[in-house]
Amino acid sequence: MRATPALDASAYLIASFATPPGVWPAGPVNLYRDGAYVGSARLDAASASRDGLAFGRDELVGVRVERPEQQQGTGGFIGSRNQRSDSRRYVIDNRHRDSITLEVLDSAPVGEHDDVRVESRYQPAPRTEAWNGQKGVVAWEQSLAGGASQSFGAEHVIIWPKDARLRERR
């Protein structure tokens, strides 16, 4: 299962596999789950083995987003810098009888200039802070027992000079 709660409050069944030996040209593929047609995709063996193939939403996995307020202010010697705190928390509920392997993705701010500092704290610690080599994409991965819930939290503090303007891309 893979969830990206900040974008969509759903979990998706993802099939991952190793590319079989030989030449596998890209092309269309029909996707079936438990004998039912769930859609079609373009199969590119190299990217599918890295990213997996999505087989639709799993209605038995609940995703909740709890986003506390953002705080912004100034700090330092006579207010020499700006600071913003951004917290988020996600709760995943497994309503299956069996355990699932869960992957939760989230984005984190990335400072592109030396005068912008980002301090991030996670609970629990993520498996990676550069999912698939993408800096700023955080991934938690763990097994979640049937009927269990798990929360994932991130807090980011962004600090930049008071006279500078913070540019954001989302």
N, C-alpha and C. Protein backbone atom coordinates (compact mmCIF):
# COMPACT_ATOMS: atom_id res chain seq x y z
N MET A 1 0.84 -1.17 0.00
CA MET A 1 0.00 0.00 0.00
C MET A 1 0.88 1.24 0.00
N ARG A 2 0.46 2.23 -0.73
CA ARG A 2 1.16 3.51 -0.72
C ARG A 2 0.14 4.62 -0.52
N ALA A 3 0.48 5.55 0.36
CA ALA A 3 -0.38 6.70 0.62
C ALA A 3 0.46 7.97 0.56
N THR A 4 -0.13 9.01 0.00
CA THR A 4 0.47 10.35 -0.02
C THR A 4 -0.60 11.28 0.57
N PRO A 5 -0.74 11.28 1.89
CA PRO A 5 -1.87 11.95 2.54
C PRO A 5 -2.01 13.43 2.23
N ALA A 6 -0.92 14.15 2.01
CA ALA A 6 -1.02 15.59 1.73
C ALA A 6 -1.72 15.85 0.40
N LEU A 7 -1.69 14.88 -0.51
CA LEU A 7 -2.31 15.04 -1.82
C LEU A 7 -3.65 14.35 -1.94
N ASP A 8 -3.81 13.19 -1.27
CA ASP A 8 -5.00 12.38 -1.43
C ASP A 8 -5.18 11.53 -0.18
N ALA A 9 -6.36 11.60 0.43
CA ALA A 9 -6.62 10.84 1.66
C ALA A 9 -7.06 9.42 1.32
N SER A 10 -6.29 8.75 0.49
CA SER A 10 -6.55 7.36 0.10
C SER A 10 -5.24 6.61 0.07
N ALA A 11 -5.35 5.29 0.20
CA ALA A 11 -4.19 4.42 0.04
C ALA A 11 -4.40 3.59 -1.22
N TYR A 12 -3.32 3.33 -1.93
CA TYR A 12 -3.40 2.60 -3.19
C TYR A 12 -2.58 1.32 -3.10
N LEU A 13 -3.12 0.27 -3.69
CA LEU A 13 -2.40 -0.98 -3.78
C LEU A 13 -1.37 -0.84 -4.89
N ILE A 14 -0.11 -1.04 -4.55
CA ILE A 14 0.98 -0.89 -5.50
C ILE A 14 1.68 -2.24 -5.65
N ALA A 15 1.83 -2.68 -6.89
CA ALA A 15 2.57 -3.91 -7.16
C ALA A 15 3.99 -3.52 -7.57
N SER A 16 4.96 -4.09 -6.90
CA SER A 16 6.35 -3.84 -7.26
C SER A 16 6.97 -5.17 -7.66
N PHE A 17 7.91 -5.10 -8.57
CA PHE A 17 8.54 -6.32 -9.09
C PHE A 17 9.89 -5.99 -9.67
N ALA A 18 10.71 -7.02 -9.77
CA ALA A 18 12.00 -6.88 -10.43
C ALA A 18 11.80 -7.10 -11.93
N THR A 19 12.50 -6.34 -12.74
CA THR A 19 12.39 -6.49 -14.18
C THR A 19 12.97 -7.85 -14.59
N PRO A 20 12.16 -8.67 -15.30
CA PRO A 20 12.69 -9.96 -15.75
C PRO A 20 13.78 -9.75 -16.79
N PRO A 21 14.66 -10.73 -16.94
CA PRO A 21 15.72 -10.58 -17.94
C PRO A 21 15.13 -10.49 -19.34
N GLY A 22 15.87 -9.84 -20.20
CA GLY A 22 15.44 -9.70 -21.59
C GLY A 22 15.04 -8.28 -21.91
N VAL A 23 14.54 -8.10 -23.09
CA VAL A 23 14.11 -6.79 -23.58
C VAL A 23 12.61 -6.67 -23.39
N TRP A 24 12.20 -5.63 -22.72
CA TRP A 24 10.78 -5.39 -22.45
C TRP A 24 10.40 -4.01 -22.97
N PRO A 25 9.89 -3.94 -24.21
CA PRO A 25 9.51 -2.63 -24.75
C PRO A 25 8.31 -2.07 -24.00
N ALA A 26 8.25 -0.76 -23.90
CA ALA A 26 7.13 -0.09 -23.23
C ALA A 26 5.86 -0.29 -24.05
N GLY A 27 4.74 -0.41 -23.36
CA GLY A 27 3.46 -0.58 -24.05
C GLY A 27 2.31 -0.61 -23.09
N PRO A 28 1.09 -0.66 -23.62
CA PRO A 28 -0.09 -0.66 -22.76
C PRO A 28 -0.27 -2.00 -22.04
N VAL A 29 -0.88 -1.94 -20.87
CA VAL A 29 -1.16 -3.14 -20.08
C VAL A 29 -2.50 -2.93 -19.37
N ASN A 30 -3.32 -3.98 -19.31
CA ASN A 30 -4.58 -3.94 -18.56
C ASN A 30 -4.32 -4.48 -17.16
N LEU A 31 -4.91 -3.84 -16.16
CA LEU A 31 -4.67 -4.21 -14.76
C LEU A 31 -5.93 -4.84 -14.17
N TYR A 32 -5.74 -6.00 -13.55
CA TYR A 32 -6.83 -6.72 -12.89
C TYR A 32 -6.46 -6.95 -11.44
N ARG A 33 -7.45 -6.81 -10.57
CA ARG A 33 -7.24 -7.05 -9.14
C ARG A 33 -8.36 -7.95 -8.65
N ASP A 34 -8.00 -9.10 -8.11
CA ASP A 34 -8.97 -10.09 -7.65
C ASP A 34 -9.97 -10.44 -8.75
N GLY A 35 -9.49 -10.52 -9.98
CA GLY A 35 -10.32 -10.90 -11.12
C GLY A 35 -11.12 -9.76 -11.72
N ALA A 36 -11.08 -8.59 -11.12
CA ALA A 36 -11.86 -7.44 -11.61
C ALA A 36 -10.93 -6.46 -12.30
N TYR A 37 -11.37 -5.93 -13.45
CA TYR A 37 -10.61 -4.94 -14.19
C TYR A 37 -10.57 -3.64 -13.39
N VAL A 38 -9.37 -3.11 -13.15
CA VAL A 38 -9.24 -1.86 -12.39
C VAL A 38 -8.68 -0.72 -13.22
N GLY A 39 -8.27 -0.99 -14.45
CA GLY A 39 -7.78 0.08 -15.30
C GLY A 39 -6.67 -0.37 -16.21
N SER A 40 -6.09 0.59 -16.86
CA SER A 40 -4.98 0.31 -17.76
C SER A 40 -3.86 1.29 -17.46
N ALA A 41 -2.69 0.93 -17.91
CA ALA A 41 -1.52 1.77 -17.69
C ALA A 41 -0.55 1.54 -18.83
N ARG A 42 0.45 2.34 -18.86
CA ARG A 42 1.54 2.14 -19.81
C ARG A 42 2.67 1.50 -19.02
N LEU A 43 3.07 0.32 -19.46
CA LEU A 43 4.11 -0.41 -18.76
C LEU A 43 5.46 -0.09 -19.38
N ASP A 44 6.29 0.54 -18.59
CA ASP A 44 7.69 0.75 -18.91
C ASP A 44 8.43 0.00 -17.82
N ALA A 45 9.03 -1.13 -18.19
CA ALA A 45 9.60 -2.06 -17.20
C ALA A 45 10.57 -1.37 -16.25
N ALA A 46 11.40 -0.47 -16.75
CA ALA A 46 12.40 0.18 -15.89
C ALA A 46 11.73 1.04 -14.82
N SER A 47 10.77 1.89 -15.21
CA SER A 47 10.13 2.77 -14.22
C SER A 47 9.13 1.99 -13.36
N ALA A 48 8.47 0.97 -13.91
CA ALA A 48 7.51 0.20 -13.12
C ALA A 48 8.21 -0.61 -12.04
N SER A 49 9.41 -1.11 -12.32
CA SER A 49 10.11 -1.87 -11.29
C SER A 49 10.61 -0.95 -10.18
N ARG A 50 10.80 0.33 -10.48
CA ARG A 50 11.23 1.30 -9.48
C ARG A 50 10.03 1.87 -8.72
N ASP A 51 9.00 2.30 -9.44
CA ASP A 51 7.85 2.98 -8.84
C ASP A 51 6.68 2.06 -8.54
N GLY A 52 6.60 0.90 -9.23
CA GLY A 52 5.48 -0.02 -9.06
C GLY A 52 4.32 0.35 -9.97
N LEU A 53 3.32 -0.50 -9.99
CA LEU A 53 2.09 -0.27 -10.76
C LEU A 53 0.94 -0.11 -9.78
N ALA A 54 0.13 0.92 -9.96
CA ALA A 54 -1.00 1.17 -9.07
C ALA A 54 -2.21 0.35 -9.51
N PHE A 55 -2.78 -0.39 -8.55
CA PHE A 55 -3.94 -1.23 -8.82
C PHE A 55 -5.19 -0.69 -8.13
N GLY A 56 -5.30 0.59 -7.98
CA GLY A 56 -6.50 1.22 -7.45
C GLY A 56 -6.48 1.44 -5.95
N ARG A 57 -7.50 2.17 -5.49
CA ARG A 57 -7.64 2.49 -4.06
C ARG A 57 -7.98 1.24 -3.27
N ASP A 58 -7.52 1.24 -2.03
CA ASP A 58 -7.90 0.19 -1.10
C ASP A 58 -8.81 0.83 -0.07
N GLU A 59 -10.09 0.53 -0.15
CA GLU A 59 -11.08 1.16 0.73
C GLU A 59 -10.97 0.67 2.18
N LEU A 60 -10.19 -0.39 2.41
CA LEU A 60 -10.03 -0.90 3.77
C LEU A 60 -8.83 -0.29 4.50
N VAL A 61 -8.20 0.67 3.87
CA VAL A 61 -7.11 1.40 4.52
C VAL A 61 -7.55 2.86 4.62
N GLY A 62 -7.74 3.31 5.84
CA GLY A 62 -8.18 4.69 6.07
C GLY A 62 -6.99 5.62 6.25
N VAL A 63 -7.11 6.81 5.70
CA VAL A 63 -6.05 7.82 5.79
C VAL A 63 -6.66 9.11 6.32
N ARG A 64 -6.14 9.59 7.45
CA ARG A 64 -6.61 10.85 8.02
C ARG A 64 -5.45 11.83 8.09
N VAL A 65 -5.76 13.08 7.80
CA VAL A 65 -4.76 14.15 7.87
C VAL A 65 -5.13 15.06 9.03
N GLU A 66 -4.18 15.23 9.94
CA GLU A 66 -4.36 16.16 11.05
C GLU A 66 -3.28 17.21 10.90
N ARG A 67 -3.66 18.42 10.54
CA ARG A 67 -2.68 19.46 10.27
C ARG A 67 -2.80 20.57 11.30
N PRO A 68 -1.94 20.56 12.31
CA PRO A 68 -1.95 21.67 13.28
C PRO A 68 -1.61 22.99 12.58
N GLU A 69 -1.86 24.05 13.29
CA GLU A 69 -1.62 25.38 12.72
C GLU A 69 -0.15 25.64 12.41
N GLN A 70 0.05 26.53 11.46
CA GLN A 70 1.40 26.99 11.15
C GLN A 70 1.68 28.19 12.05
N GLN A 71 2.94 28.34 12.44
CA GLN A 71 3.33 29.48 13.25
C GLN A 71 4.44 30.21 12.52
N GLN A 72 4.35 31.54 12.51
CA GLN A 72 5.37 32.34 11.85
C GLN A 72 5.72 33.51 12.74
N GLY A 73 7.00 33.89 12.71
CA GLY A 73 7.43 35.02 13.53
C GLY A 73 8.85 35.41 13.22
N THR A 74 9.40 36.28 14.05
CA THR A 74 10.79 36.70 13.89
C THR A 74 11.56 36.29 15.13
N GLY A 75 12.86 36.16 15.00
CA GLY A 75 13.68 35.77 16.14
C GLY A 75 15.10 36.25 15.97
N GLY A 76 15.96 35.84 16.89
CA GLY A 76 17.36 36.22 16.81
C GLY A 76 17.60 37.58 17.46
N PHE A 77 18.81 38.07 17.29
CA PHE A 77 19.21 39.35 17.87
C PHE A 77 18.43 40.48 17.22
N ILE A 78 17.55 41.10 17.97
CA ILE A 78 16.70 42.20 17.52
C ILE A 78 15.94 41.81 16.25
N GLY A 79 15.38 40.62 16.24
CA GLY A 79 14.54 40.18 15.14
C GLY A 79 15.27 40.10 13.81
N SER A 80 16.44 39.49 13.78
CA SER A 80 17.26 39.47 12.55
C SER A 80 16.89 38.37 11.57
N ARG A 81 15.93 37.53 11.94
CA ARG A 81 15.56 36.46 11.01
C ARG A 81 14.08 36.14 11.15
N ASN A 82 13.53 35.56 10.09
CA ASN A 82 12.16 35.07 10.10
C ASN A 82 12.18 33.58 10.38
N GLN A 83 11.10 33.11 10.94
CA GLN A 83 11.02 31.68 11.25
C GLN A 83 9.58 31.23 11.08
N ARG A 84 9.41 30.08 10.45
CA ARG A 84 8.08 29.50 10.30
C ARG A 84 8.13 28.02 10.69
N SER A 85 7.14 27.61 11.44
CA SER A 85 7.04 26.22 11.85
C SER A 85 5.81 25.61 11.19
N ASP A 86 6.00 24.44 10.60
CA ASP A 86 4.92 23.75 9.91
C ASP A 86 4.88 22.31 10.41
N SER A 87 3.76 21.91 11.01
CA SER A 87 3.62 20.55 11.54
C SER A 87 2.50 19.85 10.80
N ARG A 88 2.66 18.54 10.63
CA ARG A 88 1.59 17.74 10.06
C ARG A 88 1.63 16.34 10.65
N ARG A 89 0.48 15.74 10.69
CA ARG A 89 0.38 14.39 11.24
C ARG A 89 -0.64 13.61 10.42
N TYR A 90 -0.28 12.37 10.11
CA TYR A 90 -1.14 11.48 9.34
C TYR A 90 -1.43 10.25 10.17
N VAL A 91 -2.64 9.75 10.12
CA VAL A 91 -3.02 8.54 10.82
C VAL A 91 -3.55 7.55 9.79
N ILE A 92 -2.96 6.35 9.77
CA ILE A 92 -3.35 5.31 8.83
C ILE A 92 -4.01 4.19 9.62
N ASP A 93 -5.20 3.77 9.19
CA ASP A 93 -5.94 2.68 9.83
C ASP A 93 -6.01 1.50 8.87
N ASN A 94 -5.55 0.34 9.31
CA ASN A 94 -5.64 -0.88 8.51
C ASN A 94 -6.89 -1.64 8.96
N ARG A 95 -7.91 -1.64 8.12
CA ARG A 95 -9.15 -2.35 8.45
C ARG A 95 -9.18 -3.75 7.83
N HIS A 96 -8.03 -4.20 7.30
CA HIS A 96 -7.91 -5.58 6.82
C HIS A 96 -7.74 -6.50 8.02
N ARG A 97 -8.00 -7.80 7.83
CA ARG A 97 -7.73 -8.78 8.88
C ARG A 97 -6.24 -9.10 8.95
N ASP A 98 -5.56 -9.00 7.81
CA ASP A 98 -4.14 -9.33 7.74
C ASP A 98 -3.29 -8.07 7.76
N SER A 99 -2.01 -8.27 8.01
CA SER A 99 -1.10 -7.12 8.00
C SER A 99 -0.81 -6.69 6.56
N ILE A 100 -0.43 -5.46 6.43
CA ILE A 100 -0.06 -4.90 5.12
C ILE A 100 1.31 -4.24 5.24
N THR A 101 1.98 -4.11 4.13
CA THR A 101 3.21 -3.32 4.08
C THR A 101 2.80 -1.94 3.59
N LEU A 102 3.09 -0.95 4.38
CA LEU A 102 2.62 0.41 4.12
C LEU A 102 3.78 1.32 3.80
N GLU A 103 3.60 2.15 2.78
CA GLU A 103 4.58 3.18 2.44
C GLU A 103 3.84 4.51 2.43
N VAL A 104 4.29 5.44 3.27
CA VAL A 104 3.67 6.77 3.38
C VAL A 104 4.67 7.79 2.87
N LEU A 105 4.25 8.59 1.90
CA LEU A 105 5.12 9.61 1.30
C LEU A 105 4.67 10.99 1.74
N ASP A 106 5.63 11.88 1.94
CA ASP A 106 5.34 13.26 2.32
C ASP A 106 6.44 14.15 1.75
N SER A 107 6.12 15.40 1.55
CA SER A 107 7.13 16.35 1.06
C SER A 107 7.68 17.16 2.22
N ALA A 108 8.95 17.48 2.12
CA ALA A 108 9.63 18.29 3.13
C ALA A 108 10.26 19.49 2.45
N PRO A 109 10.31 20.63 3.12
CA PRO A 109 10.96 21.80 2.53
C PRO A 109 12.45 21.53 2.31
N VAL A 110 12.97 22.07 1.24
CA VAL A 110 14.39 21.94 0.91
C VAL A 110 14.93 23.35 0.69
N GLY A 111 15.92 23.73 1.49
CA GLY A 111 16.54 25.04 1.33
C GLY A 111 17.52 25.01 0.16
N GLU A 112 17.34 25.91 -0.78
CA GLU A 112 18.21 25.95 -1.96
C GLU A 112 19.29 27.02 -1.85
N HIS A 113 19.26 27.82 -0.79
CA HIS A 113 20.25 28.87 -0.59
C HIS A 113 20.89 28.69 0.78
N ASP A 114 22.14 29.14 0.90
CA ASP A 114 22.88 28.97 2.15
C ASP A 114 22.25 29.73 3.32
N ASP A 115 21.54 30.82 3.04
CA ASP A 115 20.97 31.61 4.13
C ASP A 115 19.59 31.12 4.57
N VAL A 116 19.09 30.06 3.95
CA VAL A 116 17.82 29.45 4.35
C VAL A 116 18.13 28.12 5.02
N ARG A 117 17.68 27.99 6.26
CA ARG A 117 17.95 26.77 7.03
C ARG A 117 16.64 26.04 7.30
N VAL A 118 16.65 24.73 7.11
CA VAL A 118 15.47 23.91 7.38
C VAL A 118 15.84 22.86 8.41
N GLU A 119 15.08 22.81 9.49
CA GLU A 119 15.27 21.80 10.52
C GLU A 119 14.02 20.92 10.53
N SER A 120 14.19 19.63 10.29
CA SER A 120 13.06 18.71 10.23
C SER A 120 13.18 17.64 11.30
N ARG A 121 12.02 17.32 11.90
CA ARG A 121 11.94 16.24 12.88
C ARG A 121 10.77 15.34 12.48
N TYR A 122 10.99 14.02 12.59
CA TYR A 122 9.98 13.06 12.18
C TYR A 122 9.69 12.08 13.30
N GLN A 123 8.45 11.61 13.35
CA GLN A 123 8.07 10.60 14.33
C GLN A 123 7.11 9.63 13.66
N PRO A 124 7.46 8.38 13.48
CA PRO A 124 8.76 7.75 13.69
C PRO A 124 9.75 8.21 12.61
N ALA A 125 10.99 7.79 12.74
CA ALA A 125 12.01 8.16 11.75
C ALA A 125 11.65 7.54 10.39
N PRO A 126 11.75 8.31 9.32
CA PRO A 126 11.44 7.76 8.00
C PRO A 126 12.53 6.81 7.50
N ARG A 127 12.16 5.97 6.56
CA ARG A 127 13.14 5.08 5.94
C ARG A 127 14.12 5.90 5.11
N THR A 128 13.63 6.93 4.42
CA THR A 128 14.49 7.78 3.60
C THR A 128 13.92 9.20 3.54
N GLU A 129 14.81 10.16 3.32
CA GLU A 129 14.40 11.55 3.12
C GLU A 129 14.64 11.96 1.67
N ALA A 130 14.90 10.97 0.82
CA ALA A 130 15.07 11.21 -0.62
C ALA A 130 14.51 10.00 -1.37
N TRP A 131 13.20 9.82 -1.31
CA TRP A 131 12.53 8.67 -1.94
C TRP A 131 12.79 8.67 -3.44
N ASN A 132 13.20 7.54 -3.94
CA ASN A 132 13.54 7.39 -5.37
C ASN A 132 14.52 8.47 -5.84
N GLY A 133 15.40 8.89 -4.93
CA GLY A 133 16.41 9.88 -5.29
C GLY A 133 15.90 11.31 -5.36
N GLN A 134 14.65 11.55 -4.95
CA GLN A 134 14.06 12.89 -5.00
C GLN A 134 14.24 13.58 -3.65
N LYS A 135 15.14 14.54 -3.62
CA LYS A 135 15.41 15.28 -2.39
C LYS A 135 14.13 15.97 -1.91
N GLY A 136 13.85 15.82 -0.62
CA GLY A 136 12.65 16.45 -0.06
C GLY A 136 11.41 15.58 -0.10
N VAL A 137 11.50 14.35 -0.63
CA VAL A 137 10.37 13.43 -0.59
C VAL A 137 10.70 12.37 0.47
N VAL A 138 9.97 12.43 1.57
CA VAL A 138 10.20 11.57 2.72
C VAL A 138 9.33 10.32 2.58
N ALA A 139 9.88 9.16 2.95
CA ALA A 139 9.12 7.91 2.89
C ALA A 139 9.27 7.13 4.18
N TRP A 140 8.12 6.81 4.76
CA TRP A 140 8.08 5.87 5.87
C TRP A 140 7.64 4.53 5.28
N GLU A 141 8.22 3.45 5.75
CA GLU A 141 7.79 2.13 5.31
C GLU A 141 7.78 1.19 6.49
N GLN A 142 6.67 0.50 6.67
CA GLN A 142 6.57 -0.44 7.78
C GLN A 142 5.39 -1.37 7.57
N SER A 143 5.39 -2.42 8.34
CA SER A 143 4.27 -3.36 8.35
C SER A 143 3.24 -2.83 9.33
N LEU A 144 1.97 -2.99 8.98
CA LEU A 144 0.89 -2.54 9.86
C LEU A 144 -0.07 -3.71 10.04
N ALA A 145 -0.20 -4.19 11.26
CA ALA A 145 -1.02 -5.36 11.57
C ALA A 145 -2.48 -5.11 11.24
N GLY A 146 -3.21 -6.18 11.00
CA GLY A 146 -4.65 -6.07 10.73
C GLY A 146 -5.36 -5.42 11.90
N GLY A 147 -6.23 -4.45 11.62
CA GLY A 147 -6.98 -3.74 12.65
C GLY A 147 -6.18 -2.68 13.40
N ALA A 148 -4.93 -2.47 13.05
CA ALA A 148 -4.08 -1.52 13.77
C ALA A 148 -4.08 -0.14 13.11
N SER A 149 -3.64 0.84 13.87
CA SER A 149 -3.47 2.21 13.38
C SER A 149 -2.04 2.66 13.67
N GLN A 150 -1.56 3.58 12.86
CA GLN A 150 -0.22 4.14 13.06
C GLN A 150 -0.25 5.60 12.66
N SER A 151 0.39 6.44 13.45
CA SER A 151 0.49 7.86 13.08
C SER A 151 1.91 8.16 12.64
N PHE A 152 2.02 9.11 11.73
CA PHE A 152 3.28 9.57 11.18
C PHE A 152 3.27 11.08 11.30
N GLY A 153 4.35 11.64 11.86
CA GLY A 153 4.39 13.08 12.07
C GLY A 153 5.65 13.71 11.52
N ALA A 154 5.50 14.95 11.09
CA ALA A 154 6.64 15.72 10.59
C ALA A 154 6.49 17.15 11.08
N GLU A 155 7.61 17.72 11.53
CA GLU A 155 7.65 19.13 11.91
C GLU A 155 8.84 19.76 11.23
N HIS A 156 8.59 20.86 10.53
CA HIS A 156 9.64 21.56 9.79
C HIS A 156 9.71 23.00 10.30
N VAL A 157 10.92 23.43 10.62
CA VAL A 157 11.16 24.82 11.00
C VAL A 157 12.04 25.42 9.93
N ILE A 158 11.54 26.49 9.29
CA ILE A 158 12.26 27.16 8.22
C ILE A 158 12.71 28.51 8.76
N ILE A 159 14.02 28.79 8.63
CA ILE A 159 14.60 30.03 9.15
C ILE A 159 15.31 30.73 7.99
N TRP A 160 15.01 32.02 7.81
CA TRP A 160 15.63 32.79 6.74
C TRP A 160 15.83 34.23 7.19
N PRO A 161 16.75 34.97 6.54
CA PRO A 161 17.04 36.36 6.95
C PRO A 161 15.79 37.24 6.88
N LYS A 162 15.69 38.16 7.83
CA LYS A 162 14.53 39.04 7.91
C LYS A 162 14.35 39.88 6.66
N ASP A 163 15.44 40.34 6.06
CA ASP A 163 15.32 41.21 4.89
C ASP A 163 15.17 40.43 3.59
N ALA A 164 15.18 39.11 3.65
CA ALA A 164 15.04 38.29 2.43
C ALA A 164 13.59 37.86 2.28
N ARG A 165 13.24 37.56 1.05
CA ARG A 165 11.89 37.08 0.75
C ARG A 165 11.98 35.58 0.47
N LEU A 166 11.15 34.82 1.13
CA LEU A 166 11.16 33.37 0.96
C LEU A 166 10.28 33.01 -0.25
N ARG A 167 10.90 32.33 -1.23
CA ARG A 167 10.14 31.88 -2.40
C ARG A 167 9.85 30.41 -2.22
N GLU A 168 8.60 30.05 -2.44
CA GLU A 168 8.21 28.65 -2.26
C GLU A 168 7.66 28.08 -3.55
N ARG A 169 8.02 26.82 -3.79
CA ARG A 169 7.43 26.05 -4.89
C ARG A 169 6.80 24.83 -4.28
N ARG A 170 5.66 24.49 -4.71
CA ARG A 170 4.96 23.31 -4.17
C ARG A 170 4.74 22.30 -5.25
